[in-house]
Structure formats: C-alpha cells, structure tokens
Amino acid sequence: MQWQLIILFLQLLVRGNFANQENTPHWVNVCGASYLFSEEVKPWSDAVAMCELYGSHLLQIDDLSENNCLLEYAHSQKLTSVYWHSGNDIQSEGVFRQADGEYIQLEPFWNSDQPDGGTAQNCLYVTMATNANSGRWNDATCTSNYHYICERS
C-alpha cells in the first residue's frame, strides 16, 4: 500500500499538481536531447521505472560523441558519480541492447577488464569521474544502487 501511495504521489508530481522548483525533476538540454541526472541512487530496474514515470527512458548512449558530450557536461556540473544507462545483456549473455531494444552499435568505451561479470552482471553504467575511468563503461549487478540518467527527445 505504501509503495502505491509513493507511485501516486510521483505521478501527481510529474503532472505538475504539486510541482514547484524544489521538487520538480531538473531536465537539462545538452548534446541534442534532454536529460535528467538523478540525485538519488536506485537499482537498474527501478531507474528504468523512474525514467518511464517521467515520460522518458533510461539513457541510451548511441555514439562516442554523445558519451563524451555527457561526460563534459557532468564535469562542468561537478557530477562525478557513476550512472546507470540502458545498456544491458539481460536477454542473452554478451549481447548488449539499449532502451529501444536494439543492439548497441558502437564499440563500448569499456573500463579495463570489462565486461567481467558474466551472467551475474547484466546492467551497464558509465563513469562520470575525472580520473582514468572517466567516460568508461562497466557491467554490474542490476540490483546495485547507482545514480541514473533519463533521456527524452
């Protein structure tokens, strides 16, 4: 029951019934689309659900240019965490798909020794840090709690 009330509240918030500047998701227009960099952390499936609640989808990185553009924006805003994106191999190990269900077309900018999780790690995140891992992808257990990025056109 409590979960249903939370969902109802979020739906009302998204529709603007209780919206004000302090509790409205902050979307930014960069890199040719609109993005929301979460402040909270969630498991991958909950991040997918939150993005859908906002009328968007979990970030789909289509090319290295988008990866780098978002990385540059994150650095400019001091957002140096790791963020879930929609890349995953949940359906078939080693076959990575994105939010639209299509195969990932680019050669992912993998962190060293990645992907390394086999069937235990099926969801992908991108590192927005300002270190040697900057902009690189990792696979992780989908139940791990990370920030996430929603995307809408």
N, C-alpha and C. Protein backbone atom coordinates (compact mmCIF):
# COMPACT_ATOMS: atom_id res chain seq x y z
N MET A 1 0.82 -1.19 0.00
CA MET A 1 0.00 0.00 0.00
C MET A 1 0.86 1.26 0.00
N GLN A 2 1.91 1.27 0.82
CA GLN A 2 2.79 2.43 0.90
C GLN A 2 3.45 2.69 -0.46
N TRP A 3 3.87 1.62 -1.15
CA TRP A 3 4.50 1.75 -2.47
C TRP A 3 3.53 2.37 -3.47
N GLN A 4 2.24 1.99 -3.40
CA GLN A 4 1.24 2.53 -4.30
C GLN A 4 1.04 4.02 -4.05
N LEU A 5 1.08 4.43 -2.80
CA LEU A 5 0.96 5.85 -2.49
C LEU A 5 2.15 6.64 -3.01
N ILE A 6 3.32 6.06 -2.92
CA ILE A 6 4.52 6.73 -3.45
C ILE A 6 4.39 6.91 -4.95
N ILE A 7 3.96 5.86 -5.66
CA ILE A 7 3.79 5.94 -7.12
C ILE A 7 2.76 7.01 -7.46
N LEU A 8 1.63 7.03 -6.75
CA LEU A 8 0.61 8.04 -7.00
C LEU A 8 1.16 9.44 -6.79
N PHE A 9 1.90 9.65 -5.71
CA PHE A 9 2.50 10.95 -5.45
C PHE A 9 3.44 11.35 -6.57
N LEU A 10 4.27 10.43 -7.03
CA LEU A 10 5.21 10.75 -8.11
C LEU A 10 4.47 11.07 -9.40
N GLN A 11 3.38 10.36 -9.68
CA GLN A 11 2.60 10.65 -10.87
C GLN A 11 2.01 12.06 -10.79
N LEU A 12 1.49 12.42 -9.65
CA LEU A 12 0.95 13.77 -9.47
C LEU A 12 2.06 14.81 -9.59
N LEU A 13 3.21 14.50 -9.06
CA LEU A 13 4.33 15.42 -9.13
C LEU A 13 4.74 15.64 -10.58
N VAL A 14 4.84 14.57 -11.36
CA VAL A 14 5.24 14.67 -12.76
C VAL A 14 4.22 15.47 -13.56
N ARG A 15 2.94 15.27 -13.25
CA ARG A 15 1.89 16.02 -13.95
C ARG A 15 1.87 17.49 -13.54
N GLY A 16 2.54 17.83 -12.47
CA GLY A 16 2.62 19.22 -12.05
C GLY A 16 1.63 19.62 -10.98
N ASN A 17 0.83 18.69 -10.47
CA ASN A 17 -0.16 19.04 -9.48
C ASN A 17 0.46 19.55 -8.18
N PHE A 18 1.61 19.05 -7.79
CA PHE A 18 2.30 19.52 -6.59
C PHE A 18 3.65 20.14 -6.94
N ALA A 19 3.89 20.38 -8.20
CA ALA A 19 5.23 20.77 -8.65
C ALA A 19 5.59 22.19 -8.23
N ASN A 20 6.83 22.34 -7.83
CA ASN A 20 7.44 23.64 -7.67
C ASN A 20 8.93 23.44 -7.96
N GLN A 21 9.69 24.48 -7.95
CA GLN A 21 11.11 24.40 -8.33
C GLN A 21 11.90 23.45 -7.45
N GLU A 22 11.52 23.29 -6.18
CA GLU A 22 12.32 22.48 -5.28
C GLU A 22 12.13 20.98 -5.45
N ASN A 23 10.96 20.54 -5.97
CA ASN A 23 10.75 19.10 -6.08
C ASN A 23 10.45 18.63 -7.50
N THR A 24 10.63 19.47 -8.47
CA THR A 24 10.43 19.09 -9.86
C THR A 24 11.75 18.57 -10.41
N PRO A 25 11.72 17.45 -11.12
CA PRO A 25 12.96 16.95 -11.72
C PRO A 25 13.59 18.02 -12.61
N HIS A 26 14.89 18.12 -12.56
CA HIS A 26 15.61 19.15 -13.32
C HIS A 26 16.17 18.54 -14.61
N TRP A 27 15.53 18.87 -15.71
CA TRP A 27 15.98 18.40 -17.02
C TRP A 27 16.93 19.43 -17.62
N VAL A 28 17.96 18.95 -18.30
CA VAL A 28 18.90 19.84 -18.97
C VAL A 28 18.91 19.50 -20.46
N ASN A 29 19.00 20.52 -21.28
CA ASN A 29 19.07 20.34 -22.72
C ASN A 29 20.51 20.49 -23.17
N VAL A 30 21.15 19.36 -23.41
CA VAL A 30 22.53 19.31 -23.87
C VAL A 30 22.67 18.16 -24.87
N CYS A 31 23.68 18.18 -25.67
CA CYS A 31 24.03 17.05 -26.53
C CYS A 31 22.89 16.64 -27.46
N GLY A 32 22.01 17.56 -27.80
CA GLY A 32 20.94 17.29 -28.75
C GLY A 32 19.71 16.61 -28.18
N ALA A 33 19.61 16.50 -26.87
CA ALA A 33 18.44 15.89 -26.23
C ALA A 33 18.25 16.51 -24.85
N SER A 34 17.30 15.99 -24.11
CA SER A 34 17.01 16.46 -22.77
C SER A 34 17.30 15.32 -21.80
N TYR A 35 18.04 15.63 -20.74
CA TYR A 35 18.50 14.60 -19.80
C TYR A 35 18.18 15.00 -18.37
N LEU A 36 17.96 13.99 -17.54
CA LEU A 36 17.80 14.18 -16.11
C LEU A 36 18.87 13.34 -15.42
N PHE A 37 19.76 13.99 -14.70
CA PHE A 37 20.79 13.30 -13.91
C PHE A 37 20.21 13.14 -12.50
N SER A 38 19.96 11.89 -12.10
CA SER A 38 19.30 11.66 -10.81
C SER A 38 20.17 12.12 -9.65
N GLU A 39 19.49 12.50 -8.59
CA GLU A 39 20.17 12.82 -7.35
C GLU A 39 20.21 11.61 -6.43
N GLU A 40 19.23 10.71 -6.57
CA GLU A 40 19.17 9.52 -5.74
C GLU A 40 19.76 8.33 -6.49
N VAL A 41 20.01 7.26 -5.76
CA VAL A 41 20.52 6.02 -6.35
C VAL A 41 19.43 4.96 -6.29
N LYS A 42 19.42 4.09 -7.29
CA LYS A 42 18.41 3.04 -7.39
C LYS A 42 19.01 1.84 -8.10
N PRO A 43 18.40 0.66 -7.90
CA PRO A 43 18.76 -0.48 -8.75
C PRO A 43 18.36 -0.18 -10.20
N TRP A 44 18.95 -0.88 -11.14
CA TRP A 44 18.73 -0.62 -12.56
C TRP A 44 17.25 -0.65 -12.94
N SER A 45 16.52 -1.69 -12.52
CA SER A 45 15.10 -1.80 -12.91
C SER A 45 14.27 -0.67 -12.33
N ASP A 46 14.59 -0.21 -11.13
CA ASP A 46 13.88 0.94 -10.55
C ASP A 46 14.22 2.22 -11.30
N ALA A 47 15.45 2.34 -11.76
CA ALA A 47 15.84 3.50 -12.56
C ALA A 47 15.06 3.51 -13.88
N VAL A 48 14.92 2.34 -14.50
CA VAL A 48 14.12 2.23 -15.73
C VAL A 48 12.70 2.71 -15.46
N ALA A 49 12.11 2.25 -14.35
CA ALA A 49 10.74 2.61 -14.00
C ALA A 49 10.60 4.11 -13.73
N MET A 50 11.57 4.71 -13.05
CA MET A 50 11.51 6.14 -12.78
C MET A 50 11.55 6.94 -14.07
N CYS A 51 12.43 6.56 -14.98
CA CYS A 51 12.50 7.27 -16.26
C CYS A 51 11.19 7.16 -17.02
N GLU A 52 10.59 5.97 -17.00
CA GLU A 52 9.29 5.79 -17.67
C GLU A 52 8.22 6.64 -17.01
N LEU A 53 8.28 6.76 -15.69
CA LEU A 53 7.34 7.60 -14.97
C LEU A 53 7.46 9.06 -15.42
N TYR A 54 8.67 9.48 -15.74
CA TYR A 54 8.91 10.84 -16.22
C TYR A 54 8.64 10.99 -17.71
N GLY A 55 8.12 9.95 -18.36
CA GLY A 55 7.83 10.03 -19.79
C GLY A 55 9.08 9.96 -20.64
N SER A 56 10.09 9.26 -20.16
CA SER A 56 11.37 9.17 -20.87
C SER A 56 11.86 7.73 -20.79
N HIS A 57 13.13 7.53 -21.08
CA HIS A 57 13.74 6.21 -20.94
C HIS A 57 15.12 6.37 -20.34
N LEU A 58 15.63 5.28 -19.79
CA LEU A 58 16.99 5.29 -19.26
C LEU A 58 17.95 5.61 -20.41
N LEU A 59 18.94 6.41 -20.12
CA LEU A 59 19.89 6.89 -21.12
C LEU A 59 20.31 5.81 -22.12
N GLN A 60 20.25 6.17 -23.39
CA GLN A 60 20.74 5.31 -24.46
C GLN A 60 21.90 6.04 -25.12
N ILE A 61 23.11 5.56 -24.90
CA ILE A 61 24.30 6.19 -25.48
C ILE A 61 24.49 5.62 -26.88
N ASP A 62 24.24 6.45 -27.89
CA ASP A 62 24.25 5.99 -29.28
C ASP A 62 25.61 6.05 -29.95
N ASP A 63 26.49 6.92 -29.47
CA ASP A 63 27.81 7.01 -30.08
C ASP A 63 28.80 7.65 -29.11
N LEU A 64 30.07 7.60 -29.46
CA LEU A 64 31.11 8.13 -28.59
C LEU A 64 30.97 9.64 -28.41
N SER A 65 30.43 10.31 -29.41
CA SER A 65 30.21 11.75 -29.30
C SER A 65 29.22 12.06 -28.17
N GLU A 66 28.12 11.31 -28.09
CA GLU A 66 27.16 11.52 -27.02
C GLU A 66 27.80 11.17 -25.67
N ASN A 67 28.55 10.09 -25.62
CA ASN A 67 29.25 9.69 -24.40
C ASN A 67 30.14 10.84 -23.91
N ASN A 68 30.94 11.40 -24.82
CA ASN A 68 31.87 12.47 -24.45
C ASN A 68 31.15 13.77 -24.11
N CYS A 69 30.09 14.08 -24.84
CA CYS A 69 29.34 15.30 -24.57
C CYS A 69 28.72 15.25 -23.17
N LEU A 70 28.13 14.12 -22.82
CA LEU A 70 27.54 13.98 -21.48
C LEU A 70 28.61 14.00 -20.40
N LEU A 71 29.75 13.40 -20.69
CA LEU A 71 30.86 13.42 -19.75
C LEU A 71 31.32 14.86 -19.51
N GLU A 72 31.47 15.63 -20.57
CA GLU A 72 31.89 17.02 -20.43
C GLU A 72 30.86 17.83 -19.63
N TYR A 73 29.57 17.61 -19.91
CA TYR A 73 28.54 18.30 -19.14
C TYR A 73 28.62 17.91 -17.66
N ALA A 74 28.73 16.60 -17.38
CA ALA A 74 28.81 16.13 -16.00
C ALA A 74 29.98 16.78 -15.28
N HIS A 75 31.12 16.87 -15.93
CA HIS A 75 32.29 17.50 -15.31
C HIS A 75 32.01 18.98 -15.02
N SER A 76 31.35 19.66 -15.96
CA SER A 76 31.08 21.09 -15.77
C SER A 76 30.13 21.33 -14.60
N GLN A 77 29.33 20.32 -14.26
CA GLN A 77 28.37 20.43 -13.17
C GLN A 77 28.84 19.73 -11.89
N LYS A 78 30.07 19.23 -11.92
CA LYS A 78 30.65 18.51 -10.77
C LYS A 78 29.85 17.24 -10.43
N LEU A 79 29.33 16.58 -11.46
CA LEU A 79 28.60 15.31 -11.30
C LEU A 79 29.60 14.20 -11.60
N THR A 80 30.25 13.70 -10.58
CA THR A 80 31.37 12.78 -10.80
C THR A 80 31.10 11.37 -10.28
N SER A 81 29.85 10.96 -10.32
CA SER A 81 29.48 9.63 -9.85
C SER A 81 29.44 8.65 -11.04
N VAL A 82 28.95 7.46 -10.80
CA VAL A 82 28.66 6.53 -11.88
C VAL A 82 27.15 6.53 -12.08
N TYR A 83 26.71 6.34 -13.33
CA TYR A 83 25.30 6.44 -13.68
C TYR A 83 24.88 5.25 -14.54
N TRP A 84 23.75 4.63 -14.15
CA TRP A 84 23.17 3.60 -15.00
C TRP A 84 22.82 4.19 -16.35
N HIS A 85 23.02 3.42 -17.40
CA HIS A 85 22.39 3.71 -18.70
C HIS A 85 21.66 2.46 -19.13
N SER A 86 20.99 2.50 -20.27
CA SER A 86 20.08 1.41 -20.63
C SER A 86 20.78 0.17 -21.16
N GLY A 87 22.06 0.24 -21.44
CA GLY A 87 22.77 -0.93 -21.96
C GLY A 87 22.69 -2.11 -21.01
N ASN A 88 22.39 -3.28 -21.57
CA ASN A 88 22.29 -4.49 -20.75
C ASN A 88 22.38 -5.73 -21.63
N ASP A 89 22.73 -6.85 -21.00
CA ASP A 89 22.70 -8.14 -21.69
C ASP A 89 21.83 -9.13 -20.92
N ILE A 90 20.69 -8.64 -20.46
CA ILE A 90 19.76 -9.43 -19.66
C ILE A 90 19.18 -10.58 -20.49
N GLN A 91 18.82 -10.31 -21.75
CA GLN A 91 18.19 -11.34 -22.59
C GLN A 91 19.15 -12.44 -22.99
N SER A 92 20.38 -12.06 -23.31
CA SER A 92 21.35 -13.04 -23.81
C SER A 92 22.75 -12.58 -23.42
N GLU A 93 23.47 -13.39 -22.68
CA GLU A 93 24.79 -13.03 -22.17
C GLU A 93 25.72 -12.59 -23.30
N GLY A 94 26.30 -11.40 -23.14
CA GLY A 94 27.26 -10.86 -24.10
C GLY A 94 26.62 -10.13 -25.27
N VAL A 95 25.29 -10.15 -25.38
CA VAL A 95 24.58 -9.45 -26.45
C VAL A 95 23.94 -8.22 -25.81
N PHE A 96 24.57 -7.07 -26.00
CA PHE A 96 24.14 -5.85 -25.32
C PHE A 96 23.13 -5.08 -26.15
N ARG A 97 22.03 -4.73 -25.50
CA ARG A 97 20.95 -3.95 -26.10
C ARG A 97 20.74 -2.68 -25.28
N GLN A 98 19.99 -1.75 -25.90
CA GLN A 98 19.70 -0.49 -25.22
C GLN A 98 18.20 -0.32 -25.03
N ALA A 99 17.79 0.88 -24.61
CA ALA A 99 16.39 1.18 -24.28
C ALA A 99 15.44 0.86 -25.42
N ASP A 100 15.86 1.07 -26.66
CA ASP A 100 14.98 0.82 -27.79
C ASP A 100 14.94 -0.66 -28.20
N GLY A 101 15.67 -1.50 -27.47
CA GLY A 101 15.69 -2.93 -27.76
C GLY A 101 16.69 -3.32 -28.83
N GLU A 102 17.32 -2.34 -29.44
CA GLU A 102 18.29 -2.60 -30.50
C GLU A 102 19.66 -2.89 -29.90
N TYR A 103 20.48 -3.57 -30.69
CA TYR A 103 21.86 -3.85 -30.27
C TYR A 103 22.63 -2.55 -30.12
N ILE A 104 23.57 -2.52 -29.19
CA ILE A 104 24.47 -1.38 -29.08
C ILE A 104 25.34 -1.35 -30.32
N GLN A 105 25.33 -0.25 -31.03
CA GLN A 105 26.01 -0.14 -32.31
C GLN A 105 27.48 0.25 -32.20
N LEU A 106 27.81 0.99 -31.15
CA LEU A 106 29.19 1.44 -31.03
C LEU A 106 30.02 0.43 -30.26
N GLU A 107 31.31 0.50 -30.42
CA GLU A 107 32.22 -0.29 -29.59
C GLU A 107 32.27 0.41 -28.24
N PRO A 108 31.67 -0.18 -27.18
CA PRO A 108 31.64 0.50 -25.88
C PRO A 108 33.04 0.89 -25.41
N PHE A 109 33.09 1.98 -24.72
CA PHE A 109 34.32 2.52 -24.16
C PHE A 109 34.50 1.85 -22.79
N TRP A 110 34.87 0.55 -22.85
CA TRP A 110 34.93 -0.25 -21.63
C TRP A 110 36.07 0.17 -20.70
N ASN A 111 35.82 0.08 -19.41
CA ASN A 111 36.87 0.20 -18.42
C ASN A 111 37.76 -1.05 -18.56
N SER A 112 38.97 -1.00 -18.07
CA SER A 112 39.87 -2.15 -18.22
C SER A 112 39.24 -3.40 -17.60
N ASP A 113 39.44 -4.52 -18.27
CA ASP A 113 38.92 -5.82 -17.83
C ASP A 113 37.39 -5.89 -17.77
N GLN A 114 36.72 -5.06 -18.54
CA GLN A 114 35.25 -5.07 -18.59
C GLN A 114 34.80 -5.50 -19.98
N PRO A 115 33.64 -6.09 -20.11
CA PRO A 115 32.78 -6.55 -19.03
C PRO A 115 33.36 -7.80 -18.39
N ASP A 116 33.12 -7.94 -17.10
CA ASP A 116 33.75 -9.06 -16.38
C ASP A 116 32.79 -9.85 -15.50
N GLY A 117 31.50 -9.54 -15.55
CA GLY A 117 30.58 -10.14 -14.58
C GLY A 117 29.84 -11.37 -15.02
N GLY A 118 29.97 -11.76 -16.30
CA GLY A 118 29.22 -12.92 -16.76
C GLY A 118 27.73 -12.74 -16.51
N THR A 119 27.05 -13.83 -16.21
CA THR A 119 25.60 -13.75 -16.01
C THR A 119 25.21 -13.06 -14.70
N ALA A 120 26.17 -12.81 -13.83
CA ALA A 120 25.87 -12.14 -12.56
C ALA A 120 25.77 -10.62 -12.72
N GLN A 121 26.37 -10.08 -13.79
CA GLN A 121 26.39 -8.64 -14.00
C GLN A 121 25.86 -8.35 -15.40
N ASN A 122 24.61 -7.91 -15.48
CA ASN A 122 23.96 -7.73 -16.78
C ASN A 122 23.59 -6.31 -17.12
N CYS A 123 23.85 -5.36 -16.24
CA CYS A 123 23.45 -3.97 -16.48
C CYS A 123 24.70 -3.09 -16.54
N LEU A 124 24.60 -2.04 -17.34
CA LEU A 124 25.78 -1.20 -17.59
C LEU A 124 25.65 0.19 -16.97
N TYR A 125 26.79 0.69 -16.52
CA TYR A 125 26.85 2.08 -16.08
C TYR A 125 28.04 2.76 -16.73
N VAL A 126 27.98 4.08 -16.74
CA VAL A 126 29.06 4.91 -17.27
C VAL A 126 29.63 5.72 -16.11
N THR A 127 30.94 5.83 -16.07
CA THR A 127 31.64 6.56 -15.01
C THR A 127 31.84 8.01 -15.44
N MET A 128 31.35 8.94 -14.64
CA MET A 128 31.49 10.37 -14.95
C MET A 128 32.60 11.02 -14.12
N ALA A 129 33.46 10.22 -13.55
CA ALA A 129 34.55 10.72 -12.71
C ALA A 129 35.56 11.52 -13.54
N THR A 130 36.46 12.18 -12.85
CA THR A 130 37.53 12.93 -13.51
C THR A 130 38.86 12.23 -13.28
N ASN A 131 38.86 10.91 -13.47
CA ASN A 131 40.07 10.13 -13.29
C ASN A 131 40.29 9.23 -14.51
N ALA A 132 41.11 8.23 -14.38
CA ALA A 132 41.43 7.35 -15.51
C ALA A 132 40.22 6.57 -16.01
N ASN A 133 39.16 6.45 -15.21
CA ASN A 133 37.95 5.73 -15.60
C ASN A 133 36.91 6.63 -16.27
N SER A 134 37.24 7.88 -16.43
CA SER A 134 36.32 8.88 -16.94
C SER A 134 35.70 8.48 -18.28
N GLY A 135 34.37 8.42 -18.32
CA GLY A 135 33.64 8.11 -19.55
C GLY A 135 33.58 6.63 -19.88
N ARG A 136 34.17 5.81 -19.06
CA ARG A 136 34.23 4.36 -19.37
C ARG A 136 33.01 3.62 -18.83
N TRP A 137 32.72 2.50 -19.49
CA TRP A 137 31.57 1.67 -19.14
C TRP A 137 32.00 0.47 -18.31
N ASN A 138 31.10 0.04 -17.44
CA ASN A 138 31.29 -1.17 -16.65
C ASN A 138 29.98 -1.96 -16.63
N ASP A 139 30.09 -3.27 -16.47
CA ASP A 139 28.89 -4.05 -16.17
C ASP A 139 28.82 -4.23 -14.66
N ALA A 140 27.61 -4.37 -14.15
CA ALA A 140 27.40 -4.50 -12.71
C ALA A 140 26.16 -5.34 -12.45
N THR A 141 26.03 -5.78 -11.22
CA THR A 141 24.83 -6.48 -10.81
C THR A 141 23.66 -5.50 -10.87
N CYS A 142 22.58 -5.89 -11.51
CA CYS A 142 21.45 -4.98 -11.74
C CYS A 142 20.79 -4.50 -10.45
N THR A 143 21.02 -5.20 -9.35
CA THR A 143 20.44 -4.80 -8.07
C THR A 143 21.30 -3.79 -7.31
N SER A 144 22.47 -3.46 -7.87
CA SER A 144 23.32 -2.43 -7.24
C SER A 144 22.62 -1.08 -7.33
N ASN A 145 22.90 -0.22 -6.37
CA ASN A 145 22.30 1.11 -6.35
C ASN A 145 23.28 2.14 -6.90
N TYR A 146 22.89 2.75 -8.01
CA TYR A 146 23.69 3.80 -8.65
C TYR A 146 22.76 4.94 -9.06
N HIS A 147 23.37 6.08 -9.31
CA HIS A 147 22.63 7.17 -9.94
C HIS A 147 22.22 6.71 -11.32
N TYR A 148 21.36 7.46 -11.97
CA TYR A 148 20.91 7.12 -13.32
C TYR A 148 20.64 8.39 -14.12
N ILE A 149 20.59 8.23 -15.42
CA ILE A 149 20.30 9.35 -16.32
C ILE A 149 19.09 8.97 -17.17
N CYS A 150 18.07 9.81 -17.15
CA CYS A 150 16.91 9.64 -18.03
C CYS A 150 17.12 10.50 -19.27
N GLU A 151 16.56 10.06 -20.39
CA GLU A 151 16.71 10.79 -21.65
C GLU A 151 15.36 10.89 -22.35
N ARG A 152 15.11 12.06 -22.92
CA ARG A 152 13.94 12.24 -23.77
C ARG A 152 14.33 13.11 -24.95
N SER A 153 13.65 12.91 -26.05
CA SER A 153 13.99 13.66 -27.28
C SER A 153 13.38 15.03 -27.26
